[in-house]
């Protein structure tokens, strides 16, 4: 197994998909690159206007690859995998939403 790498997507109009078990990155200019999921440890989406297929999310989940979406240089959301009941499931954790949910739940507990 080779060294693990991070795939950074930082151009609007880029699309991340899957073809024959590989991640395929297509640029708006027609450029194309393929990456083996076995070589990736992380995918960073660092701009707006990026498309990603459900198959790419599933492939990342199968290989334990985290996907982080950034806004203004700060992490906004992470897509991670979790094992539950012996089968992989995906959870999308939004940093802002998670914090809002925490405080809403805390207020609900206080009301009881």
N, C-alpha and C. Protein backbone atom coordinates (compact mmCIF):
# COMPACT_ATOMS: atom_id res chain seq x y z
N UNK A 1 0.85 -1.19 0.00
CA UNK A 1 0.00 0.00 0.00
C UNK A 1 0.88 1.24 0.00
N UNK A 2 0.57 2.21 -0.85
CA UNK A 2 1.36 3.43 -0.96
C UNK A 2 1.05 4.40 0.16
N UNK A 3 1.68 5.54 0.06
CA UNK A 3 1.43 6.56 1.07
C UNK A 3 0.05 7.16 0.87
N UNK A 4 -0.57 7.58 1.96
CA UNK A 4 -1.90 8.17 1.85
C UNK A 4 -1.76 9.66 1.56
N UNK A 5 -2.72 10.19 0.84
CA UNK A 5 -2.69 11.59 0.43
C UNK A 5 -4.03 12.25 0.70
N UNK A 6 -4.00 13.57 0.62
CA UNK A 6 -5.22 14.36 0.73
C UNK A 6 -5.55 14.88 -0.66
N UNK A 7 -6.80 14.74 -1.04
CA UNK A 7 -7.29 15.30 -2.30
C UNK A 7 -7.92 16.65 -1.96
N UNK A 8 -7.39 17.72 -2.54
CA UNK A 8 -7.90 19.06 -2.28
C UNK A 8 -8.60 19.56 -3.54
N UNK A 9 -9.87 19.94 -3.38
CA UNK A 9 -10.65 20.51 -4.49
C UNK A 9 -10.86 21.98 -4.16
N UNK A 10 -10.30 22.86 -5.00
CA UNK A 10 -10.35 24.29 -4.70
C UNK A 10 -10.74 25.16 -5.90
N UNK A 11 -11.40 24.55 -6.88
CA UNK A 11 -11.84 25.32 -8.05
C UNK A 11 -13.35 25.14 -8.23
N UNK A 12 -14.11 26.26 -8.27
CA UNK A 12 -15.55 26.17 -8.52
C UNK A 12 -15.83 25.47 -9.84
N UNK A 13 -16.92 24.71 -9.88
CA UNK A 13 -17.29 23.99 -11.09
C UNK A 13 -16.69 22.60 -11.17
N UNK A 14 -15.89 22.22 -10.20
CA UNK A 14 -15.29 20.89 -10.17
C UNK A 14 -16.33 19.87 -9.74
N UNK A 15 -16.23 18.66 -10.29
CA UNK A 15 -17.16 17.59 -9.95
C UNK A 15 -16.36 16.38 -9.49
N UNK A 16 -16.79 15.78 -8.37
CA UNK A 16 -16.16 14.57 -7.85
C UNK A 16 -17.13 13.41 -8.03
N UNK A 17 -16.73 12.42 -8.79
CA UNK A 17 -17.58 11.26 -9.04
C UNK A 17 -16.77 9.98 -8.92
N UNK A 18 -17.34 8.89 -9.41
CA UNK A 18 -16.69 7.58 -9.34
C UNK A 18 -16.82 6.90 -10.69
N UNK A 19 -15.76 6.23 -11.10
CA UNK A 19 -15.79 5.42 -12.32
C UNK A 19 -14.86 4.24 -12.12
N UNK A 20 -15.39 3.04 -12.28
CA UNK A 20 -14.62 1.81 -12.15
C UNK A 20 -13.87 1.73 -10.82
N UNK A 21 -14.52 2.15 -9.74
CA UNK A 21 -13.94 2.05 -8.41
C UNK A 21 -12.92 3.12 -8.07
N UNK A 22 -12.76 4.11 -8.92
CA UNK A 22 -11.82 5.21 -8.68
C UNK A 22 -12.57 6.53 -8.54
N UNK A 23 -12.02 7.42 -7.73
CA UNK A 23 -12.56 8.78 -7.69
C UNK A 23 -12.15 9.47 -8.97
N UNK A 24 -13.09 10.17 -9.59
CA UNK A 24 -12.81 10.93 -10.81
C UNK A 24 -13.12 12.40 -10.51
N UNK A 25 -12.14 13.26 -10.76
CA UNK A 25 -12.31 14.69 -10.58
C UNK A 25 -12.33 15.33 -11.96
N UNK A 26 -13.43 16.01 -12.26
CA UNK A 26 -13.56 16.69 -13.56
C UNK A 26 -13.60 18.18 -13.34
N UNK A 27 -12.75 18.89 -14.05
CA UNK A 27 -12.73 20.34 -13.97
C UNK A 27 -13.65 20.96 -14.99
N UNK A 28 -14.03 22.20 -14.74
CA UNK A 28 -14.92 22.91 -15.64
C UNK A 28 -14.26 23.12 -17.01
N UNK A 29 -12.93 23.08 -17.05
CA UNK A 29 -12.18 23.27 -18.30
C UNK A 29 -12.02 21.97 -19.09
N UNK A 30 -12.64 20.88 -18.60
CA UNK A 30 -12.55 19.59 -19.29
C UNK A 30 -11.43 18.70 -18.78
N UNK A 31 -10.63 19.19 -17.85
CA UNK A 31 -9.56 18.37 -17.30
C UNK A 31 -10.16 17.24 -16.47
N UNK A 32 -9.38 16.18 -16.29
CA UNK A 32 -9.88 15.01 -15.58
C UNK A 32 -8.71 14.30 -14.90
N UNK A 33 -8.93 13.84 -13.67
CA UNK A 33 -7.92 13.08 -12.95
C UNK A 33 -8.60 11.97 -12.18
N UNK A 34 -7.92 10.84 -12.03
CA UNK A 34 -8.47 9.71 -11.30
C UNK A 34 -7.57 9.40 -10.11
N UNK A 35 -8.20 8.98 -8.99
CA UNK A 35 -7.47 8.67 -7.77
C UNK A 35 -8.01 7.39 -7.16
N UNK A 36 -7.11 6.53 -6.74
CA UNK A 36 -7.50 5.31 -6.06
C UNK A 36 -7.90 5.64 -4.63
N UNK A 37 -9.04 5.12 -4.16
CA UNK A 37 -9.44 5.39 -2.77
C UNK A 37 -8.45 4.81 -1.76
N UNK A 38 -7.72 3.78 -2.15
CA UNK A 38 -6.74 3.18 -1.25
C UNK A 38 -5.58 4.13 -0.96
N UNK A 39 -5.36 5.11 -1.83
CA UNK A 39 -4.26 6.06 -1.66
C UNK A 39 -4.67 7.33 -0.93
N UNK A 40 -5.98 7.52 -0.69
CA UNK A 40 -6.45 8.76 -0.09
C UNK A 40 -6.83 8.55 1.38
N UNK A 41 -6.53 9.56 2.19
CA UNK A 41 -6.95 9.52 3.59
C UNK A 41 -7.98 10.60 3.89
N UNK A 42 -8.02 11.63 3.02
CA UNK A 42 -8.89 12.77 3.30
C UNK A 42 -9.21 13.50 2.00
N UNK A 43 -10.42 14.05 1.92
CA UNK A 43 -10.80 14.90 0.79
C UNK A 43 -11.23 16.23 1.37
N UNK A 44 -10.63 17.32 0.88
CA UNK A 44 -10.98 18.67 1.33
C UNK A 44 -11.64 19.42 0.19
N UNK A 45 -12.81 19.97 0.47
CA UNK A 45 -13.50 20.82 -0.51
C UNK A 45 -13.38 22.24 0.02
N UNK A 46 -12.60 23.08 -0.67
CA UNK A 46 -12.22 24.37 -0.15
C UNK A 46 -12.82 25.56 -0.87
N UNK A 47 -13.88 25.32 -1.67
CA UNK A 47 -14.54 26.43 -2.34
C UNK A 47 -16.00 26.08 -2.59
N UNK A 48 -16.75 27.09 -2.96
CA UNK A 48 -18.16 26.88 -3.31
C UNK A 48 -18.25 26.35 -4.73
N UNK A 49 -19.43 25.81 -5.08
CA UNK A 49 -19.67 25.40 -6.46
C UNK A 49 -19.06 24.07 -6.84
N UNK A 50 -18.84 23.19 -5.89
CA UNK A 50 -18.28 21.86 -6.17
C UNK A 50 -19.42 20.85 -6.13
N UNK A 51 -19.47 19.97 -7.12
CA UNK A 51 -20.47 18.90 -7.14
C UNK A 51 -19.84 17.60 -6.69
N UNK A 52 -20.62 16.79 -5.97
CA UNK A 52 -20.12 15.49 -5.52
C UNK A 52 -21.25 14.47 -5.64
N UNK A 53 -20.94 13.30 -6.18
CA UNK A 53 -21.97 12.28 -6.37
C UNK A 53 -22.16 11.46 -5.10
N UNK A 54 -23.33 10.86 -4.99
CA UNK A 54 -23.61 9.97 -3.87
C UNK A 54 -22.65 8.78 -3.93
N UNK A 55 -22.33 8.31 -5.12
CA UNK A 55 -21.38 7.20 -5.24
C UNK A 55 -20.00 7.58 -4.70
N UNK A 56 -19.59 8.83 -4.85
CA UNK A 56 -18.32 9.28 -4.28
C UNK A 56 -18.40 9.28 -2.76
N UNK A 57 -19.54 9.70 -2.21
CA UNK A 57 -19.72 9.66 -0.75
C UNK A 57 -19.66 8.22 -0.24
N UNK A 58 -20.32 7.31 -0.95
CA UNK A 58 -20.32 5.90 -0.54
C UNK A 58 -18.92 5.30 -0.62
N UNK A 59 -18.19 5.62 -1.68
CA UNK A 59 -16.83 5.09 -1.84
C UNK A 59 -15.92 5.61 -0.72
N UNK A 60 -16.06 6.89 -0.39
CA UNK A 60 -15.28 7.45 0.72
C UNK A 60 -15.63 6.74 2.02
N UNK A 61 -16.90 6.47 2.22
CA UNK A 61 -17.36 5.76 3.42
C UNK A 61 -16.75 4.37 3.50
N UNK A 62 -16.78 3.66 2.39
CA UNK A 62 -16.25 2.29 2.36
C UNK A 62 -14.76 2.24 2.71
N UNK A 63 -14.02 3.27 2.32
CA UNK A 63 -12.58 3.28 2.55
C UNK A 63 -12.18 4.11 3.77
N UNK A 64 -13.15 4.62 4.53
CA UNK A 64 -12.84 5.38 5.74
C UNK A 64 -12.21 6.73 5.46
N UNK A 65 -12.57 7.33 4.33
CA UNK A 65 -12.02 8.64 3.93
C UNK A 65 -12.96 9.73 4.42
N UNK A 66 -12.43 10.66 5.22
CA UNK A 66 -13.23 11.80 5.68
C UNK A 66 -13.27 12.86 4.59
N UNK A 67 -14.41 13.53 4.50
CA UNK A 67 -14.55 14.66 3.57
C UNK A 67 -14.87 15.88 4.41
N UNK A 68 -14.08 16.93 4.25
CA UNK A 68 -14.30 18.18 4.99
C UNK A 68 -14.61 19.29 4.00
N UNK A 69 -15.66 20.05 4.31
CA UNK A 69 -16.03 21.21 3.50
C UNK A 69 -15.63 22.45 4.29
N UNK A 70 -14.91 23.35 3.64
CA UNK A 70 -14.42 24.57 4.27
C UNK A 70 -15.18 25.78 3.75
N UNK A 71 -15.29 26.79 4.60
CA UNK A 71 -15.83 28.09 4.20
C UNK A 71 -14.92 29.15 4.79
N UNK A 72 -14.42 30.02 3.93
CA UNK A 72 -13.49 31.07 4.35
C UNK A 72 -12.31 30.51 5.13
N UNK A 73 -11.80 29.35 4.69
CA UNK A 73 -10.62 28.75 5.29
C UNK A 73 -10.86 27.97 6.58
N UNK A 74 -12.11 27.92 7.04
CA UNK A 74 -12.42 27.21 8.28
C UNK A 74 -13.31 26.01 8.00
N UNK A 75 -13.10 24.90 8.70
CA UNK A 75 -13.97 23.73 8.49
C UNK A 75 -15.42 24.07 8.81
N UNK A 76 -16.31 23.72 7.93
CA UNK A 76 -17.73 23.99 8.11
C UNK A 76 -18.49 22.70 8.40
N UNK A 77 -18.22 21.67 7.62
CA UNK A 77 -18.93 20.40 7.73
C UNK A 77 -17.98 19.26 7.42
N UNK A 78 -18.23 18.13 8.08
CA UNK A 78 -17.46 16.92 7.82
C UNK A 78 -18.40 15.79 7.48
N UNK A 79 -18.03 14.97 6.52
CA UNK A 79 -18.74 13.73 6.24
C UNK A 79 -17.81 12.62 6.71
N UNK A 80 -18.29 11.85 7.67
CA UNK A 80 -17.48 10.76 8.23
C UNK A 80 -18.29 9.48 8.19
N UNK A 81 -17.61 8.37 8.35
CA UNK A 81 -18.32 7.09 8.39
C UNK A 81 -18.34 6.59 9.83
N UNK A 82 -19.26 5.73 10.11
CA UNK A 82 -19.34 5.12 11.44
C UNK A 82 -19.84 3.69 11.28
N UNK A 83 -19.35 2.82 12.12
CA UNK A 83 -19.81 1.44 12.09
C UNK A 83 -20.92 1.29 13.13
N UNK A 84 -22.04 0.80 12.69
CA UNK A 84 -23.17 0.61 13.59
C UNK A 84 -23.87 -0.69 13.19
N UNK A 85 -23.93 -1.61 14.11
CA UNK A 85 -24.59 -2.88 13.81
C UNK A 85 -23.88 -3.67 12.73
N UNK A 86 -22.57 -3.49 12.60
CA UNK A 86 -21.80 -4.28 11.65
C UNK A 86 -21.86 -3.77 10.22
N UNK A 87 -22.54 -2.66 9.98
CA UNK A 87 -22.56 -2.15 8.60
C UNK A 87 -22.24 -0.66 8.60
N UNK A 88 -21.57 -0.23 7.59
CA UNK A 88 -21.13 1.16 7.52
C UNK A 88 -22.31 2.07 7.24
N UNK A 89 -22.37 3.17 7.96
CA UNK A 89 -23.38 4.19 7.72
C UNK A 89 -22.68 5.53 7.69
N UNK A 90 -23.22 6.48 6.94
CA UNK A 90 -22.62 7.80 6.87
C UNK A 90 -23.39 8.77 7.74
N UNK A 91 -22.66 9.65 8.38
CA UNK A 91 -23.25 10.71 9.17
C UNK A 91 -22.64 12.01 8.69
N UNK A 92 -23.46 13.00 8.48
CA UNK A 92 -22.97 14.32 8.10
C UNK A 92 -23.04 15.18 9.34
N UNK A 93 -21.89 15.69 9.73
CA UNK A 93 -21.82 16.49 10.94
C UNK A 93 -21.55 17.94 10.54
N UNK A 94 -22.52 18.80 10.74
CA UNK A 94 -22.32 20.22 10.46
C UNK A 94 -21.92 20.90 11.75
N UNK A 95 -20.78 21.54 11.76
CA UNK A 95 -20.26 22.14 12.98
C UNK A 95 -21.26 23.12 13.58
N UNK A 96 -21.85 23.98 12.77
CA UNK A 96 -22.78 24.96 13.29
C UNK A 96 -24.09 24.31 13.72
N UNK A 97 -24.60 23.38 12.93
CA UNK A 97 -25.86 22.71 13.26
C UNK A 97 -25.70 21.88 14.53
N UNK A 98 -24.57 21.19 14.68
CA UNK A 98 -24.35 20.37 15.87
C UNK A 98 -24.36 21.23 17.12
N UNK A 99 -23.74 22.40 17.05
CA UNK A 99 -23.72 23.30 18.20
C UNK A 99 -25.13 23.80 18.52
N UNK A 100 -25.89 24.16 17.49
CA UNK A 100 -27.27 24.61 17.69
C UNK A 100 -28.11 23.50 18.32
N UNK A 101 -27.94 22.28 17.84
CA UNK A 101 -28.70 21.16 18.37
C UNK A 101 -28.33 20.91 19.84
N UNK A 102 -27.06 21.04 20.17
CA UNK A 102 -26.61 20.83 21.55
C UNK A 102 -27.32 21.80 22.48
N UNK A 103 -27.32 23.08 22.13
CA UNK A 103 -27.96 24.08 23.00
C UNK A 103 -29.47 23.91 23.05
N UNK A 104 -30.08 23.52 21.94
CA UNK A 104 -31.52 23.28 21.93
C UNK A 104 -31.88 22.11 22.85
N UNK A 105 -31.07 21.05 22.80
CA UNK A 105 -31.31 19.90 23.66
C UNK A 105 -31.08 20.26 25.13
N UNK A 106 -30.08 21.08 25.39
CA UNK A 106 -29.78 21.50 26.76
C UNK A 106 -30.95 22.30 27.33
N UNK A 107 -31.54 23.19 26.52
CA UNK A 107 -32.70 23.97 26.95
C UNK A 107 -33.90 23.06 27.20
N UNK A 108 -34.07 22.06 26.36
CA UNK A 108 -35.19 21.12 26.52
C UNK A 108 -35.07 20.37 27.84
N UNK A 109 -33.86 19.96 28.19
CA UNK A 109 -33.63 19.26 29.45
C UNK A 109 -33.93 20.16 30.64
N UNK A 110 -33.56 21.44 30.54
CA UNK A 110 -33.83 22.40 31.62
C UNK A 110 -35.32 22.57 31.85
N UNK A 111 -36.11 22.56 30.77
CA UNK A 111 -37.56 22.75 30.87
C UNK A 111 -38.27 21.58 31.56
N UNK A 112 -37.67 20.43 31.56
CA UNK A 112 -38.31 19.24 32.14
C UNK A 112 -38.23 19.25 33.60
